Amino acid sequence: MNQELPKLRPLSLHWVNWQGEEVLSIQDPLRLGEGYFMVPRPIAPMLAILDGTRNADALRTGFLLRTGIQLDSSQVDAFIESLDDAFLLDNQRFQGAIAKVMDNYHAGPFRPSSLAGNSYPSNGDELREAFDDYCSNANADAGGQVLKDGDAGSKRIAGLISPHIDYNRGWRTYAETWQLAHKAVEDAELIILLGTDHSGSPGRLTLTRQDYATPWGQLPTDTSLVDGLVEILGEDGAFQEEVHHIGEHSVELASVWLHYFAGGKPKRMLPILCGVDENLVENGAETNGVLQDALSFLADVVAEQNTLVVAAGDLSHVGPAFSDSLPLDLAGKARIRTSDEEWLEVACTGSSGRLAEHMRSQGDATRICGASPIRYMLAILPETRGEVVAYAQCPADEQFGSLVSIAGVLFTE
């Protein structure tokens, strides 16, 4: 990558209030730098033109045209250098850091928890106590309607939608959903865990041969199934973005609940990160024959053994925290709920094709980040019907003018 033509990497950007000022917080999902990188609002438009086609002079000109602000060349150089120092630019320095990270990752005995000790306790006993409290409180708030034994009736649970939001905000929805799937977790010979890859390329399924670790031990990855998918996807297709497994939270946060209801025992798992669903990209996913072949392979796996398929995906992301101009009021939140309910109603038909058509026709105005794992789950399950068992809107800023919506859905044969 030409150092004189800086290009910003795919990153997570959110508006936040920091020390009394509105700033754009850049979060690196690969966690190569330290902490968050804050960009003041007046400078934020510079990020949109860091596309690898402009040198420093062209960046100054582009910024002037967009904002009317004249920057000195030294200011542009300093800003670019600070981004480079934080490994936020797609260049040779970044690629070198990635190579080193992957060497360390592959040399380790497993994929270590990236959030343990921060988002949840790293001590197994403390974590179990926290989850016990989550489940007890969810039952109490539901008037005892959430069953501890996971008895969802006579129908076998074949799949479920789990949130991947942090536990502080989403614990109730996690608890209400996973408790009802308790028996399905215990009985399953294999768990296919499909998680949103927030940095993933469209239509990409990203694998790893490393086991996922939780504070209770390891969830062994079925490497024979990984090898079967590699024959379809190719080594580059399967592992080009494997680095995302290191810091991506979607599979991790669902896998901890899985391990809790497995009693901390090893449970054979196939973790897959799913890039943006190509139904939201021009021409759609139907043109991606390799993806279809991979989903057919997984459908055959599901047919051959007792498998629970989990889609770890959140729903809508709306409000100023996600670059919308106005905060949501009560009426706005009600509209989001209606939109979510319509989306989930289509998903609950169990038809991947119907959900794909709904996504193509309706677009993605509310930024549903769980679309790909949810649609792929439907594609590999036999005929199932879904039932929404939990729904919540979680604040995404201090004023609750922005929200992330989440749901728990069980799919039965």
Protein backbone atom coordinates (compact mmCIF):
# COMPACT_ATOMS: atom_id res chain seq x y z
CA MET A 1 0.00 0.00 0.00
CA ASN A 2 1.40 3.38 -1.02
CA GLN A 3 2.15 5.41 2.11
CA GLU A 4 1.45 8.61 0.14
CA LEU A 5 -2.11 7.49 -0.63
CA PRO A 6 -3.52 6.69 2.82
CA LYS A 7 -6.50 4.37 3.06
CA LEU A 8 -8.59 3.89 6.17
CA ARG A 9 -9.26 0.31 7.21
CA PRO A 10 -12.82 -0.99 7.80
CA LEU A 11 -13.52 0.16 11.36
CA SER A 12 -16.36 0.66 13.81
CA LEU A 13 -17.29 4.36 14.09
CA HIS A 14 -19.63 5.84 16.71
CA TRP A 15 -20.42 9.36 17.82
CA VAL A 16 -19.87 9.79 21.56
CA ASN A 17 -19.67 12.59 24.09
CA TRP A 18 -16.12 12.81 25.40
CA GLN A 19 -15.04 15.47 27.91
CA GLY A 20 -18.03 17.60 26.95
CA GLU A 21 -17.39 17.45 23.20
CA GLU A 22 -19.00 15.33 20.48
CA VAL A 23 -16.33 13.18 18.89
CA LEU A 24 -16.19 10.23 16.52
CA SER A 25 -14.88 7.19 18.35
CA ILE A 26 -12.94 4.78 16.12
CA GLN A 27 -12.93 1.25 17.50
CA ASP A 28 -10.54 -1.24 15.95
CA PRO A 29 -12.17 -4.70 15.99
CA LEU A 30 -8.70 -6.23 15.69
CA ARG A 31 -7.52 -4.34 18.80
CA LEU A 32 -4.08 -3.62 17.34
CA GLY A 33 -3.81 -0.21 18.99
CA GLU A 34 -4.51 0.82 22.55
CA GLY A 35 -7.97 2.04 23.51
CA TYR A 36 -10.17 4.17 21.27
CA PHE A 37 -9.11 6.77 18.72
CA MET A 38 -11.12 9.99 19.05
CA VAL A 39 -11.70 12.36 16.11
CA PRO A 40 -13.23 15.82 16.75
CA ARG A 41 -16.39 16.52 14.77
CA PRO A 42 -14.81 19.25 12.56
CA ILE A 43 -12.10 16.81 11.40
CA ALA A 44 -14.34 13.76 10.97
CA PRO A 45 -15.14 14.45 7.25
CA MET A 46 -11.48 13.70 6.50
CA LEU A 47 -12.12 10.03 7.24
CA ALA A 48 -14.59 9.73 4.35
CA ILE A 49 -11.95 10.65 1.77
CA LEU A 50 -9.18 8.40 3.07
CA ASP A 51 -9.89 5.88 0.32
CA GLY A 52 -6.39 5.27 -1.03
CA THR A 53 -6.77 7.56 -4.06
CA ARG A 54 -5.59 10.90 -2.63
CA ASN A 55 -2.22 12.21 -1.51
CA ALA A 56 -1.87 14.85 1.21
CA ASP A 57 -2.52 17.78 -1.15
CA ALA A 58 -5.62 16.13 -2.60
CA LEU A 59 -6.85 15.41 0.93
CA ARG A 60 -6.48 19.09 1.85
CA THR A 61 -8.41 20.10 -1.25
CA GLY A 62 -11.14 17.50 -0.73
CA PHE A 63 -11.53 18.50 2.89
CA LEU A 64 -11.78 22.19 1.93
CA LEU A 65 -14.49 21.46 -0.65
CA ARG A 66 -16.52 19.45 1.86
CA THR A 67 -16.17 21.67 4.92
CA GLY A 68 -14.89 25.08 3.86
CA ILE A 69 -12.01 24.61 6.32
CA GLN A 70 -8.45 25.20 5.13
CA LEU A 71 -5.95 22.87 6.79
CA ASP A 72 -2.20 23.29 6.75
CA SER A 73 -0.20 20.47 5.21
CA SER A 74 1.40 19.86 8.60
CA GLN A 75 -2.04 19.31 10.14
CA VAL A 76 -2.95 16.73 7.51
CA ASP A 77 0.42 15.01 7.88
CA ALA A 78 0.04 14.86 11.67
CA PHE A 79 -3.47 13.42 11.43
CA ILE A 80 -2.39 10.74 8.96
CA GLU A 81 0.61 9.88 11.11
CA SER A 82 -1.57 9.49 14.20
CA LEU A 83 -3.87 7.11 12.31
CA ASP A 84 -0.85 5.14 11.12
CA ASP A 85 0.57 4.94 14.63
CA ALA A 86 -2.72 3.35 15.75
CA PHE A 87 -2.64 0.80 12.86
CA LEU A 88 -5.84 2.27 11.43
CA LEU A 89 -4.54 2.59 7.86
CA ASP A 90 -4.47 -0.26 5.36
CA ASN A 91 -0.76 -0.27 4.55
CA GLN A 92 2.41 -2.35 4.91
CA ARG A 93 2.82 -1.43 8.57
CA PHE A 94 -0.67 -2.73 9.28
CA GLN A 95 -0.06 -5.91 7.27
CA GLY A 96 3.13 -6.55 9.24
CA ALA A 97 1.24 -6.18 12.51
CA ILE A 98 -1.43 -8.59 11.27
CA ALA A 99 1.19 -11.20 10.34
CA LYS A 100 2.69 -11.02 13.82
CA VAL A 101 -0.72 -11.26 15.49
CA MET A 102 -1.65 -14.31 13.42
CA ASP A 103 1.63 -16.07 14.20
CA ASN A 104 0.91 -15.62 17.91
CA TYR A 105 -2.70 -16.73 17.47
CA HIS A 106 -1.81 -19.94 15.66
CA ALA A 107 0.98 -20.71 18.13
CA GLY A 108 -1.44 -20.63 21.05
CA PRO A 109 -3.40 -23.68 22.24
CA PHE A 110 -6.78 -21.98 21.65
CA ARG A 111 -8.52 -18.73 20.81
CA PRO A 112 -8.47 -16.92 24.18
CA SER A 113 -11.44 -14.92 25.43
CA SER A 114 -11.03 -11.33 24.30
CA LEU A 115 -13.64 -9.87 26.68
CA ALA A 116 -13.17 -11.96 29.84
CA GLY A 117 -12.18 -9.78 32.76
CA ASN A 118 -13.75 -6.76 31.10
CA SER A 119 -17.25 -7.47 29.78
CA TYR A 120 -17.72 -10.50 32.03
CA PRO A 121 -15.81 -12.22 34.87
CA SER A 122 -12.73 -14.21 33.91
CA ASN A 123 -13.15 -16.49 36.90
CA GLY A 124 -15.40 -19.44 36.14
CA ASP A 125 -17.08 -19.51 39.57
CA GLU A 126 -17.79 -15.78 39.49
CA LEU A 127 -19.12 -16.03 35.93
CA ARG A 128 -21.41 -18.92 36.84
CA GLU A 129 -22.75 -16.94 39.77
CA ALA A 130 -23.41 -13.95 37.49
CA PHE A 131 -25.25 -16.13 34.96
CA ASP A 132 -27.24 -17.80 37.73
CA ASP A 133 -28.35 -14.33 38.83
CA TYR A 134 -29.22 -13.33 35.24
CA CYS A 135 -31.44 -16.38 34.86
CA SER A 136 -33.03 -16.03 38.30
CA ASN A 137 -33.85 -12.36 37.71
CA ALA A 138 -35.20 -13.05 34.23
CA ASN A 139 -37.51 -15.69 35.69
CA ALA A 140 -38.67 -13.38 38.48
CA ASP A 141 -39.38 -10.52 36.08
CA ALA A 142 -41.31 -12.87 33.79
CA GLY A 143 -43.51 -14.04 36.64
CA GLY A 144 -41.98 -17.51 36.50
CA GLN A 145 -42.87 -18.03 32.84
CA VAL A 146 -39.27 -18.69 31.76
CA LEU A 147 -38.58 -22.35 32.51
CA LYS A 148 -35.27 -23.28 34.07
CA ASP A 149 -35.21 -26.74 32.54
CA GLY A 150 -35.39 -25.37 28.99
CA ASP A 151 -38.59 -27.30 28.25
CA ALA A 152 -39.90 -25.55 25.15
CA GLY A 153 -42.50 -28.24 24.49
CA SER A 154 -42.40 -31.47 22.52
CA LYS A 155 -40.86 -29.98 19.39
CA ARG A 156 -37.09 -30.20 19.00
CA ILE A 157 -35.26 -26.88 18.93
CA ALA A 158 -33.03 -26.92 15.86
CA GLY A 159 -31.85 -23.31 15.85
CA LEU A 160 -31.95 -20.06 17.74
CA ILE A 161 -31.19 -16.38 17.35
CA SER A 162 -29.07 -15.06 20.20
CA PRO A 163 -27.95 -11.47 20.76
CA HIS A 164 -24.28 -10.57 20.65
CA ILE A 165 -24.59 -7.28 22.53
CA ASP A 166 -22.71 -6.88 25.83
CA TYR A 167 -24.21 -8.66 28.83
CA ASN A 168 -24.74 -5.46 30.81
CA ARG A 169 -27.40 -4.38 28.34
CA GLY A 170 -28.60 -7.68 26.93
CA TRP A 171 -28.50 -10.11 29.85
CA ARG A 172 -32.26 -10.47 30.12
CA THR A 173 -32.72 -11.40 26.46
CA TYR A 174 -29.79 -13.82 26.62
CA ALA A 175 -31.21 -15.48 29.74
CA GLU A 176 -34.79 -15.71 28.47
CA THR A 177 -33.63 -17.25 25.19
CA TRP A 178 -30.90 -19.66 26.26
CA GLN A 179 -32.86 -21.05 29.22
CA LEU A 180 -35.52 -22.29 26.82
CA ALA A 181 -32.80 -23.93 24.71
CA HIS A 182 -31.15 -25.65 27.69
CA LYS A 183 -32.18 -29.18 26.67
CA ALA A 184 -31.27 -28.54 23.03
CA VAL A 185 -27.76 -27.53 24.11
CA GLU A 186 -27.38 -30.62 26.28
CA ASP A 187 -28.64 -33.00 23.58
CA ALA A 188 -26.75 -31.51 20.63
CA GLU A 189 -23.81 -33.46 19.26
CA LEU A 190 -22.62 -30.36 17.42
CA ILE A 191 -23.22 -26.62 17.68
CA ILE A 192 -22.82 -24.57 14.51
CA LEU A 193 -22.32 -21.02 15.74
CA LEU A 194 -22.73 -18.36 13.07
CA GLY A 195 -21.68 -14.90 14.22
CA THR A 196 -21.77 -11.47 12.62
CA ASP A 197 -18.37 -10.43 11.32
CA HIS A 198 -18.58 -6.67 11.74
CA SER A 199 -15.47 -6.19 9.57
CA GLY A 200 -16.10 -9.05 7.16
CA SER A 201 -16.28 -8.85 3.39
CA PRO A 202 -19.70 -9.34 1.74
CA GLY A 203 -20.72 -12.98 1.42
CA ARG A 204 -17.64 -14.31 3.19
CA LEU A 205 -17.62 -17.21 5.64
CA THR A 206 -14.48 -17.01 7.79
CA LEU A 207 -13.24 -20.09 9.61
CA THR A 208 -10.67 -20.93 12.26
CA ARG A 209 -9.19 -24.21 13.44
CA GLN A 210 -8.58 -22.85 16.93
CA ASP A 211 -10.87 -23.88 19.80
CA TYR A 212 -12.83 -21.09 21.47
CA ALA A 213 -12.03 -20.74 25.16
CA THR A 214 -14.32 -19.54 27.95
CA PRO A 215 -13.58 -19.21 31.68
CA TRP A 216 -14.80 -22.82 32.01
CA GLY A 217 -12.37 -24.30 29.49
CA GLN A 218 -12.43 -24.94 25.76
CA LEU A 219 -15.16 -25.59 23.22
CA PRO A 220 -13.41 -27.87 20.71
CA THR A 221 -13.68 -26.78 17.08
CA ASP A 222 -14.59 -29.64 14.72
CA THR A 223 -11.58 -29.38 12.39
CA SER A 224 -12.88 -32.13 10.10
CA LEU A 225 -15.86 -29.93 9.25
CA VAL A 226 -13.52 -26.96 8.84
CA ASP A 227 -11.52 -29.03 6.35
CA GLY A 228 -14.71 -29.93 4.47
CA LEU A 229 -15.63 -26.27 4.13
CA VAL A 230 -12.09 -25.36 3.07
CA GLU A 231 -12.46 -27.73 0.11
CA ILE A 232 -15.37 -25.57 -1.01
CA LEU A 233 -14.23 -22.10 0.02
CA GLY A 234 -10.50 -22.54 -0.65
CA GLU A 235 -7.75 -21.67 1.80
CA ASP A 236 -7.80 -17.96 0.94
CA GLY A 237 -11.57 -17.74 1.05
CA ALA A 238 -11.79 -19.52 4.38
CA PHE A 239 -8.87 -17.94 6.23
CA GLN A 240 -8.02 -14.62 4.55
CA GLU A 241 -9.91 -12.77 7.30
CA GLU A 242 -9.25 -15.26 10.12
CA VAL A 243 -7.71 -12.46 12.16
CA HIS A 244 -11.26 -11.23 12.77
CA HIS A 245 -11.85 -14.22 15.05
CA ILE A 246 -9.34 -12.79 17.54
CA GLY A 247 -11.29 -9.68 18.52
CA GLU A 248 -14.77 -10.24 17.09
CA HIS A 249 -17.26 -10.51 19.95
CA SER A 250 -20.29 -12.10 18.27
CA VAL A 251 -19.28 -15.77 18.48
CA GLU A 252 -17.58 -15.28 21.83
CA LEU A 253 -20.54 -13.77 23.68
CA ALA A 254 -22.92 -16.46 22.43
CA SER A 255 -20.42 -19.26 23.08
CA VAL A 256 -20.17 -18.35 26.77
CA TRP A 257 -23.93 -18.88 27.19
CA LEU A 258 -23.63 -22.11 25.23
CA HIS A 259 -20.88 -23.32 27.57
CA TYR A 260 -22.88 -22.29 30.65
CA PHE A 261 -25.85 -24.43 29.62
CA ALA A 262 -23.51 -27.25 28.66
CA GLY A 263 -22.49 -27.28 32.31
CA GLY A 264 -18.98 -26.13 31.46
CA LYS A 265 -18.34 -29.41 29.63
CA PRO A 266 -16.65 -29.49 26.20
CA LYS A 267 -19.23 -29.19 23.44
CA ARG A 268 -18.15 -29.77 19.84
CA MET A 269 -18.56 -26.52 17.91
CA LEU A 270 -18.09 -25.07 14.44
CA PRO A 271 -17.53 -21.29 14.78
CA ILE A 272 -18.08 -19.29 11.59
CA LEU A 273 -17.92 -15.53 11.12
CA CYS A 274 -20.31 -14.19 8.48
CA GLY A 275 -19.57 -11.06 6.47
CA VAL A 276 -22.20 -8.62 5.26
CA ASP A 277 -25.12 -10.40 3.60
CA GLU A 278 -24.83 -9.91 -0.13
CA ASN A 279 -28.59 -9.43 -0.43
CA LEU A 280 -27.78 -5.88 0.68
CA VAL A 281 -25.19 -5.54 -2.07
CA GLU A 282 -25.95 -5.06 -5.74
CA ASN A 283 -26.75 -8.32 -7.60
CA GLY A 284 -27.44 -10.22 -4.36
CA ALA A 285 -26.05 -13.40 -2.89
CA GLU A 286 -27.58 -15.63 -5.53
CA THR A 287 -24.53 -14.97 -7.72
CA ASN A 288 -22.17 -16.38 -5.07
CA GLY A 289 -22.12 -20.07 -5.97
CA VAL A 290 -19.33 -20.86 -3.53
CA LEU A 291 -21.37 -19.50 -0.64
CA GLN A 292 -24.38 -21.56 -1.72
CA ASP A 293 -22.24 -24.70 -1.93
CA ALA A 294 -20.89 -24.06 1.57
CA LEU A 295 -24.41 -23.63 2.97
CA SER A 296 -25.48 -26.84 1.24
CA PHE A 297 -22.55 -28.64 2.87
CA LEU A 298 -23.67 -27.37 6.27
CA ALA A 299 -27.27 -28.40 5.54
CA ASP A 300 -25.99 -31.96 4.93
CA VAL A 301 -24.12 -31.84 8.25
CA VAL A 302 -27.30 -30.78 10.04
CA ALA A 303 -29.20 -33.67 8.43
CA GLU A 304 -26.63 -36.24 9.53
CA GLN A 305 -26.30 -35.49 13.26
CA ASN A 306 -28.12 -33.83 16.13
CA THR A 307 -27.10 -30.22 15.55
CA LEU A 308 -28.10 -26.94 17.13
CA VAL A 309 -27.53 -23.95 14.85
CA VAL A 310 -27.04 -20.60 16.58
CA ALA A 311 -27.13 -17.24 14.82
CA ALA A 312 -25.46 -14.62 17.02
CA GLY A 313 -26.84 -11.40 15.61
CA ASP A 314 -28.33 -8.15 16.87
CA LEU A 315 -31.04 -6.23 15.03
CA SER A 316 -31.43 -2.49 14.40
CA HIS A 317 -28.79 0.18 15.07
CA VAL A 318 -30.45 3.59 14.88
CA GLY A 319 -29.85 7.13 16.13
CA PRO A 320 -27.07 9.73 16.26
CA ALA A 321 -24.58 7.15 17.57
CA PHE A 322 -24.88 5.53 14.14
CA SER A 323 -24.73 8.79 12.14
CA ASP A 324 -28.47 9.47 12.01
CA SER A 325 -29.26 13.17 12.29
CA LEU A 326 -31.95 13.11 14.97
CA PRO A 327 -32.36 11.21 18.26
CA LEU A 328 -35.24 8.78 18.63
CA ASP A 329 -38.29 9.75 20.67
CA LEU A 330 -40.91 7.31 21.93
CA ALA A 331 -42.73 7.32 18.60
CA GLY A 332 -39.48 6.67 16.77
CA LYS A 333 -38.66 3.73 19.02
CA ALA A 334 -42.15 2.34 18.42
CA ARG A 335 -41.57 2.56 14.66
CA ILE A 336 -38.30 0.66 15.03
CA ARG A 337 -40.07 -2.02 17.03
CA THR A 338 -42.70 -2.38 14.32
CA SER A 339 -40.00 -2.65 11.66
CA ASP A 340 -38.12 -5.24 13.73
CA GLU A 341 -41.28 -7.25 14.28
CA GLU A 342 -41.97 -7.32 10.54
CA TRP A 343 -38.39 -8.47 9.86
CA LEU A 344 -38.60 -11.17 12.54
CA GLU A 345 -41.99 -12.32 11.30
CA VAL A 346 -40.46 -13.08 7.91
CA ALA A 347 -37.47 -14.79 9.54
CA CYS A 348 -39.82 -16.93 11.64
CA THR A 349 -41.27 -18.48 8.48
CA GLY A 350 -38.02 -20.44 8.39
CA SER A 351 -37.49 -19.51 4.75
CA SER A 352 -34.10 -18.13 3.80
CA GLY A 353 -35.51 -17.15 0.41
CA ARG A 354 -38.37 -15.13 1.88
CA LEU A 355 -36.01 -13.31 4.21
CA ALA A 356 -33.64 -12.59 1.32
CA GLU A 357 -36.49 -11.14 -0.73
CA HIS A 358 -37.67 -9.04 2.22
CA MET A 359 -34.16 -7.66 2.67
CA ARG A 360 -33.85 -6.83 -1.03
CA SER A 361 -37.22 -5.12 -1.18
CA GLN A 362 -37.03 -3.23 2.12
CA GLY A 363 -33.33 -2.36 2.17
CA ASP A 364 -31.46 -1.90 5.42
CA ALA A 365 -32.61 1.46 6.76
CA THR A 366 -32.22 0.32 10.39
CA ARG A 367 -28.83 -1.40 9.96
CA ILE A 368 -29.62 -4.96 11.05
CA CYS A 369 -26.18 -6.38 11.78
CA GLY A 370 -27.39 -9.95 12.32
CA ALA A 371 -28.85 -10.37 8.84
CA SER A 372 -26.15 -12.66 7.45
CA PRO A 373 -25.88 -15.26 10.25
CA ILE A 374 -29.67 -15.35 10.60
CA ARG A 375 -30.31 -15.88 6.90
CA TYR A 376 -27.54 -18.45 6.62
CA MET A 377 -28.96 -20.32 9.63
CA LEU A 378 -32.31 -20.56 7.87
CA ALA A 379 -30.58 -21.81 4.72
CA ILE A 380 -28.94 -24.76 6.47
CA LEU A 381 -31.82 -25.80 8.75
CA PRO A 382 -34.52 -28.23 7.68
CA GLU A 383 -38.08 -26.92 7.59
CA THR A 384 -38.52 -24.99 10.83
CA ARG A 385 -40.73 -22.31 12.29
CA GLY A 386 -39.54 -19.60 14.62
CA GLU A 387 -41.03 -18.08 17.74
CA VAL A 388 -39.85 -14.79 19.22
CA VAL A 389 -39.32 -15.36 22.95
CA ALA A 390 -37.59 -12.09 23.86
CA TYR A 391 -37.14 -8.59 22.45
CA ALA A 392 -35.46 -5.47 23.83
CA GLN A 393 -34.24 -2.05 22.77
CA CYS A 394 -30.93 -1.19 24.41
CA PRO A 395 -29.54 2.34 24.76
CA ALA A 396 -26.59 3.18 22.53
CA ASP A 397 -25.88 6.59 24.05
CA GLU A 398 -26.33 8.29 27.41
CA GLN A 399 -29.59 9.99 26.40
CA PHE A 400 -31.11 6.81 24.88
CA GLY A 401 -31.60 8.76 21.67
CA SER A 402 -29.85 5.91 19.89
CA LEU A 403 -30.58 2.22 20.29
CA VAL A 404 -29.57 -1.31 19.43
CA SER A 405 -32.47 -3.74 19.30
CA ILE A 406 -32.03 -7.42 20.10
CA ALA A 407 -34.20 -10.52 20.10
CA GLY A 408 -34.24 -14.16 21.08
CA VAL A 409 -35.93 -16.55 18.66
CA LEU A 410 -36.29 -20.34 18.84
CA PHE A 411 -36.70 -22.42 15.67
CA THR A 412 -38.37 -25.82 16.02
CA GLU A 413 -38.85 -28.65 13.56
